[in-house]
N, C-alpha and C. Protein backbone atom coordinates (compact mmCIF):
# COMPACT_ATOMS: atom_id res chain seq x y z
N UNK A 1 -47.35 -37.43 66.61
CA UNK A 1 -47.30 -38.95 66.97
C UNK A 1 -48.43 -39.46 67.09
N UNK A 2 -48.96 -40.44 66.79
CA UNK A 2 -50.34 -41.24 66.99
C UNK A 2 -50.19 -42.33 67.61
N UNK A 3 -50.96 -42.59 68.70
CA UNK A 3 -50.88 -43.98 69.40
C UNK A 3 -52.34 -44.44 69.48
N UNK A 4 -52.41 -45.64 69.03
CA UNK A 4 -53.68 -46.09 69.22
C UNK A 4 -53.85 -47.24 70.41
N UNK A 5 -55.07 -47.23 70.91
CA UNK A 5 -55.32 -48.16 72.09
C UNK A 5 -56.66 -48.48 72.46
N UNK A 6 -56.61 -49.46 73.32
CA UNK A 6 -58.09 -49.90 73.55
C UNK A 6 -57.93 -49.86 75.13
N UNK A 7 -57.13 -49.32 75.85
CA UNK A 7 -56.91 -49.15 77.28
C UNK A 7 -57.44 -47.91 77.77
N UNK A 8 -58.22 -48.00 78.68
CA UNK A 8 -58.95 -46.55 79.15
C UNK A 8 -57.74 -45.92 80.02
N UNK A 9 -56.78 -46.56 80.62
CA UNK A 9 -55.81 -45.96 81.46
C UNK A 9 -54.89 -44.82 80.56
N UNK A 10 -54.59 -45.12 79.33
CA UNK A 10 -54.26 -44.12 78.62
C UNK A 10 -54.86 -43.06 78.39
N UNK A 11 -56.29 -43.03 78.15
CA UNK A 11 -56.94 -41.98 77.76
C UNK A 11 -57.41 -41.28 79.13
N UNK A 12 -57.28 -42.04 80.29
CA UNK A 12 -57.22 -41.09 81.42
C UNK A 12 -56.38 -40.29 81.81
N UNK A 13 -55.16 -40.58 81.26
CA UNK A 13 -54.07 -39.66 81.46
C UNK A 13 -53.83 -38.62 80.53
N UNK A 14 -54.80 -38.43 79.49
CA UNK A 14 -54.71 -37.52 78.21
C UNK A 14 -55.72 -36.54 78.36
N UNK A 15 -55.30 -35.19 77.97
CA UNK A 15 -56.32 -34.34 77.79
C UNK A 15 -57.25 -34.52 76.72
N UNK A 16 -58.51 -34.11 76.85
CA UNK A 16 -59.14 -34.37 75.85
C UNK A 16 -59.22 -33.88 74.37
N UNK A 17 -58.37 -32.91 74.36
CA UNK A 17 -58.06 -32.22 73.01
C UNK A 17 -57.01 -33.01 72.32
N UNK A 18 -56.41 -33.94 73.09
CA UNK A 18 -55.49 -34.85 72.69
C UNK A 18 -55.97 -36.10 72.14
N UNK A 19 -57.18 -36.49 72.58
CA UNK A 19 -57.73 -37.87 72.17
C UNK A 19 -58.61 -37.72 71.17
N UNK A 20 -58.65 -38.68 70.16
CA UNK A 20 -59.46 -38.74 68.86
C UNK A 20 -59.96 -40.25 69.00
N UNK A 21 -61.33 -40.15 68.91
CA UNK A 21 -61.90 -41.73 68.94
C UNK A 21 -62.43 -41.92 67.34
N UNK A 22 -61.97 -43.09 67.02
CA UNK A 22 -62.30 -43.56 65.63
C UNK A 22 -63.42 -44.76 65.86
N UNK A 23 -64.25 -44.54 65.15
CA UNK A 23 -65.36 -45.64 65.03
C UNK A 23 -65.68 -46.11 63.46
N UNK A 24 -65.67 -47.28 63.47
CA UNK A 24 -65.69 -47.83 62.25
C UNK A 24 -67.14 -48.28 61.99
N UNK A 25 -67.62 -47.75 60.85
CA UNK A 25 -68.89 -47.66 60.46
C UNK A 25 -69.15 -48.97 59.13
N UNK A 26 -70.38 -49.15 58.67
CA UNK A 26 -70.62 -49.94 57.57
C UNK A 26 -69.83 -49.31 56.29
N UNK A 27 -69.73 -48.21 56.14
CA UNK A 27 -69.12 -47.49 54.91
C UNK A 27 -68.06 -46.85 55.31
N UNK A 28 -67.86 -46.03 56.43
CA UNK A 28 -66.82 -45.04 56.64
C UNK A 28 -66.38 -45.22 58.08
N UNK A 29 -65.28 -44.77 58.22
CA UNK A 29 -64.66 -44.42 59.69
C UNK A 29 -64.82 -42.86 59.92
N UNK A 30 -65.58 -42.87 61.27
CA UNK A 30 -65.65 -41.32 61.74
C UNK A 30 -64.73 -41.07 62.79
N UNK A 31 -64.22 -39.97 63.08
CA UNK A 31 -63.24 -39.45 63.95
C UNK A 31 -64.02 -38.32 64.93
N UNK A 32 -63.95 -38.48 66.21
CA UNK A 32 -64.51 -37.30 66.90
C UNK A 32 -63.83 -37.31 68.20
N UNK A 33 -63.88 -35.99 68.66
CA UNK A 33 -63.21 -35.80 70.25
C UNK A 33 -64.41 -36.27 71.12
N UNK A 34 -63.97 -36.66 72.46
CA UNK A 34 -64.72 -37.16 73.41
C UNK A 34 -65.50 -36.00 74.01
N UNK A 35 -66.80 -36.22 74.21
CA UNK A 35 -67.69 -35.31 74.90
C UNK A 35 -67.63 -34.87 76.16
N UNK A 36 -66.62 -35.39 76.68
CA UNK A 36 -66.40 -35.16 78.25
C UNK A 36 -64.96 -35.09 78.51
N UNK A 37 -64.55 -34.57 79.74
CA UNK A 37 -63.03 -34.49 79.94
C UNK A 37 -62.63 -35.74 80.69
N UNK A 38 -61.63 -36.14 79.62
CA UNK A 38 -60.88 -37.49 79.72
C UNK A 38 -59.66 -37.54 80.69
N UNK A 39 -59.05 -36.50 80.89
CA UNK A 39 -58.00 -36.23 81.94
C UNK A 39 -58.51 -36.65 83.47
N UNK A 40 -58.15 -37.65 83.81
CA UNK A 40 -58.53 -38.14 85.13
C UNK A 40 -59.97 -38.73 85.35
N UNK A 41 -60.35 -38.88 84.15
CA UNK A 41 -61.80 -39.83 84.12
C UNK A 41 -61.90 -41.09 84.60
N UNK A 42 -62.85 -41.67 85.31
CA UNK A 42 -62.75 -43.04 85.76
C UNK A 42 -62.56 -44.08 84.79
N UNK A 43 -62.04 -45.32 84.80
CA UNK A 43 -61.85 -46.16 83.97
C UNK A 43 -63.26 -46.74 83.60
N UNK A 44 -63.97 -46.81 84.33
CA UNK A 44 -65.47 -47.32 84.03
C UNK A 44 -66.11 -46.13 83.04
N UNK A 45 -66.22 -44.84 83.26
CA UNK A 45 -66.72 -43.93 82.54
C UNK A 45 -66.05 -43.89 81.11
N UNK A 46 -64.80 -44.09 81.08
CA UNK A 46 -64.18 -44.13 79.68
C UNK A 46 -64.56 -45.19 78.84
N UNK A 47 -64.65 -46.54 79.62
CA UNK A 47 -64.85 -47.71 78.99
C UNK A 47 -66.34 -47.50 78.49
N UNK A 48 -67.41 -46.99 79.39
CA UNK A 48 -68.71 -46.90 78.69
C UNK A 48 -69.04 -45.98 77.73
N UNK A 49 -68.22 -44.73 77.75
CA UNK A 49 -68.54 -43.62 76.94
C UNK A 49 -67.68 -43.70 75.54
N UNK A 50 -66.55 -44.29 75.71
CA UNK A 50 -65.54 -44.17 74.42
C UNK A 50 -65.62 -45.58 73.74
N UNK A 51 -65.83 -46.46 74.65
CA UNK A 51 -65.79 -47.85 73.87
C UNK A 51 -66.98 -48.64 73.66
N UNK A 52 -68.04 -47.91 74.05
CA UNK A 52 -69.55 -48.49 74.19
C UNK A 52 -69.65 -49.69 74.99
N UNK A 53 -68.97 -49.89 76.22
CA UNK A 53 -68.88 -51.30 76.71
C UNK A 53 -69.54 -50.93 78.25
N UNK A 54 -70.33 -51.76 78.72
CA UNK A 54 -70.79 -51.67 80.15
C UNK A 54 -70.13 -52.59 81.14
N UNK A 55 -69.67 -53.65 80.64
CA UNK A 55 -68.91 -54.66 81.41
C UNK A 55 -67.80 -53.91 82.06
N UNK A 56 -67.60 -54.26 83.39
CA UNK A 56 -66.48 -53.73 84.17
C UNK A 56 -65.25 -54.87 84.52
N UNK A 57 -65.63 -56.03 83.93
CA UNK A 57 -64.95 -57.11 84.19
C UNK A 57 -64.67 -57.98 82.69
N UNK A 58 -63.65 -58.54 82.70
CA UNK A 58 -63.24 -59.28 81.30
C UNK A 58 -64.24 -60.35 81.01
N UNK A 59 -64.25 -61.00 79.89
CA UNK A 59 -65.34 -61.93 79.40
C UNK A 59 -65.00 -63.17 80.09
N UNK A 60 -64.07 -63.68 80.38
CA UNK A 60 -63.71 -64.97 81.07
C UNK A 60 -64.15 -64.89 82.53
N UNK A 61 -63.95 -63.82 83.23
CA UNK A 61 -64.31 -63.58 84.58
C UNK A 61 -65.90 -63.58 84.54
N UNK A 62 -66.36 -62.98 83.67
CA UNK A 62 -68.02 -62.83 83.76
C UNK A 62 -68.70 -64.39 83.56
N UNK A 63 -67.85 -65.03 82.57
CA UNK A 63 -68.45 -66.51 82.47
C UNK A 63 -68.34 -67.23 83.73
N UNK A 64 -67.23 -67.02 84.39
CA UNK A 64 -67.15 -67.64 85.89
C UNK A 64 -68.33 -67.20 86.65
N UNK A 65 -68.38 -66.06 86.79
CA UNK A 65 -69.49 -65.23 87.65
C UNK A 65 -70.71 -65.81 87.31
N UNK A 66 -70.96 -65.97 85.92
CA UNK A 66 -72.34 -66.50 85.45
C UNK A 66 -72.68 -67.95 85.91
N UNK A 67 -71.67 -68.75 85.68
CA UNK A 67 -71.67 -70.07 86.33
C UNK A 67 -71.82 -70.15 87.80
N UNK A 68 -71.37 -69.26 88.57
CA UNK A 68 -71.62 -69.32 89.96
C UNK A 68 -73.25 -69.07 90.19
N UNK A 69 -73.79 -68.07 89.46
CA UNK A 69 -74.89 -67.55 89.49
C UNK A 69 -75.92 -68.74 89.24
N UNK A 70 -75.47 -69.41 88.10
CA UNK A 70 -76.49 -70.62 87.77
C UNK A 70 -76.42 -71.57 88.84
N UNK A 71 -75.11 -71.84 89.40
CA UNK A 71 -75.25 -72.91 90.47
C UNK A 71 -76.05 -72.46 91.68
N UNK A 72 -76.12 -71.02 91.92
CA UNK A 72 -76.85 -70.72 93.03
C UNK A 72 -78.27 -70.90 92.90
N UNK A 73 -78.78 -70.66 91.36
CA UNK A 73 -80.07 -70.70 91.21
C UNK A 73 -80.52 -72.22 91.23
N UNK A 74 -79.65 -73.11 91.24
CA UNK A 74 -79.92 -74.47 90.86
C UNK A 74 -79.89 -75.00 92.44
N UNK A 75 -79.47 -74.24 93.17
CA UNK A 75 -79.83 -74.66 94.82
C UNK A 75 -78.34 -75.18 95.45
N UNK A 76 -77.32 -74.96 94.71
CA UNK A 76 -75.96 -75.41 95.40
C UNK A 76 -75.73 -74.87 96.56
N UNK A 77 -75.13 -75.24 97.41
CA UNK A 77 -74.56 -74.64 98.79
C UNK A 77 -74.19 -73.54 98.83
N UNK A 78 -74.63 -72.52 99.57
CA UNK A 78 -74.24 -71.17 99.25
C UNK A 78 -72.92 -70.91 99.90
N UNK A 79 -72.67 -71.62 101.15
CA UNK A 79 -71.07 -71.33 101.61
C UNK A 79 -70.02 -72.00 100.72
N UNK A 80 -70.30 -72.97 99.82
CA UNK A 80 -69.35 -73.30 99.01
C UNK A 80 -69.25 -72.30 97.89
N UNK A 81 -70.42 -71.62 97.37
CA UNK A 81 -70.29 -70.67 96.27
C UNK A 81 -69.50 -69.50 96.60
N UNK A 82 -69.87 -69.15 98.27
CA UNK A 82 -69.21 -67.80 98.63
C UNK A 82 -67.80 -68.13 98.87
N UNK A 83 -67.35 -69.37 99.28
CA UNK A 83 -65.97 -69.54 99.20
C UNK A 83 -65.35 -69.56 97.93
N UNK A 84 -65.92 -70.15 97.09
CA UNK A 84 -65.31 -70.17 95.62
C UNK A 84 -65.41 -68.85 94.89
N UNK A 85 -66.45 -67.97 95.02
CA UNK A 85 -66.25 -66.69 94.51
C UNK A 85 -65.21 -65.75 95.01
N UNK A 86 -64.97 -66.02 96.39
CA UNK A 86 -63.89 -65.16 97.06
C UNK A 86 -62.53 -65.64 96.64
N UNK A 87 -62.40 -66.84 96.68
CA UNK A 87 -61.13 -67.61 96.08
C UNK A 87 -60.71 -67.24 94.52
N UNK A 88 -61.69 -67.41 93.78
CA UNK A 88 -61.55 -67.31 92.33
C UNK A 88 -61.61 -65.80 91.56
N UNK A 89 -62.22 -65.01 92.17
CA UNK A 89 -62.40 -63.56 91.48
C UNK A 89 -61.71 -62.58 92.60
N UNK A 90 -61.15 -61.45 91.78
CA UNK A 90 -60.83 -60.24 92.23
C UNK A 90 -61.87 -59.48 92.72
N UNK A 91 -61.74 -58.25 93.42
CA UNK A 91 -62.48 -57.37 93.68
C UNK A 91 -63.27 -56.49 92.45
N UNK A 92 -64.38 -56.56 92.49
CA UNK A 92 -65.17 -55.95 91.60
C UNK A 92 -66.66 -55.66 92.09
N UNK A 93 -67.27 -54.90 91.66
CA UNK A 93 -68.67 -54.60 91.83
C UNK A 93 -69.60 -55.85 91.67
N UNK A 94 -69.25 -56.43 90.51
CA UNK A 94 -69.89 -57.63 90.18
C UNK A 94 -69.79 -58.79 91.23
N UNK A 95 -68.66 -58.81 91.60
CA UNK A 95 -68.40 -60.03 92.77
C UNK A 95 -68.96 -59.49 94.19
N UNK A 96 -69.03 -58.18 94.42
CA UNK A 96 -69.55 -57.53 95.40
C UNK A 96 -71.26 -57.95 95.53
N UNK A 97 -71.86 -57.59 94.17
CA UNK A 97 -73.49 -57.84 94.25
C UNK A 97 -73.68 -59.31 94.40
N UNK A 98 -72.95 -60.09 93.82
CA UNK A 98 -73.29 -61.50 93.99
C UNK A 98 -73.07 -62.03 95.26
N UNK A 99 -72.00 -61.46 96.08
CA UNK A 99 -71.80 -61.84 97.57
C UNK A 99 -72.79 -61.56 98.22
N UNK A 100 -73.25 -60.21 97.97
CA UNK A 100 -74.61 -59.67 98.73
C UNK A 100 -75.59 -60.53 98.64
N UNK A 101 -75.91 -60.97 97.22
CA UNK A 101 -77.24 -61.82 97.04
C UNK A 101 -76.75 -63.08 97.95
N UNK A 102 -75.73 -63.72 97.62
CA UNK A 102 -75.58 -64.99 98.57
C UNK A 102 -75.81 -64.81 100.14
N UNK A 103 -75.06 -63.64 100.49
CA UNK A 103 -75.39 -63.28 102.05
C UNK A 103 -76.84 -63.03 102.63
N UNK A 104 -77.41 -62.41 101.62
CA UNK A 104 -78.85 -62.25 101.94
C UNK A 104 -79.51 -63.29 101.78
N UNK A 105 -79.47 -64.01 101.10
CA UNK A 105 -80.01 -65.48 101.00
C UNK A 105 -79.92 -66.48 102.08
N UNK A 106 -78.56 -66.30 102.64
CA UNK A 106 -78.30 -67.04 103.67
C UNK A 106 -78.91 -66.42 104.86
N UNK A 107 -78.94 -65.08 105.15
CA UNK A 107 -79.84 -64.59 106.25
C UNK A 107 -81.03 -64.98 106.14
N UNK A 108 -81.61 -64.90 105.08
CA UNK A 108 -83.15 -65.31 104.78
C UNK A 108 -83.12 -66.73 105.41
N UNK A 109 -82.60 -67.63 104.90
CA UNK A 109 -82.61 -68.82 105.39
C UNK A 109 -82.67 -69.03 106.85
N UNK A 110 -81.83 -68.33 107.57
CA UNK A 110 -82.03 -68.41 109.04
C UNK A 110 -83.42 -68.19 109.65
N UNK A 111 -84.01 -67.13 109.00
CA UNK A 111 -85.32 -66.46 109.67
C UNK A 111 -86.23 -67.80 109.49
């Protein structure tokens, strides 16, 4: 049986000898086995090593975060931005880093 997927979860539940990675080149499709143990591997590792993606959140969520960052750079109220990021976005490292930037900036404003 052959199953094709773009979900790292299925790969994380598979032995590496059961995983084949297909890559479409300009002229041909290559097939290889992962060079790491896929079984139990983190979703981030699979996403980066197998799909060549560094993003850990979706494109739409990243756009929202980028807009919030631009508003921060433009000098918008930090409390408002902090409340909005916490209401709109789920937990992610990107959210944590931006929240830390906001909190550090607010602390700096107090000094």
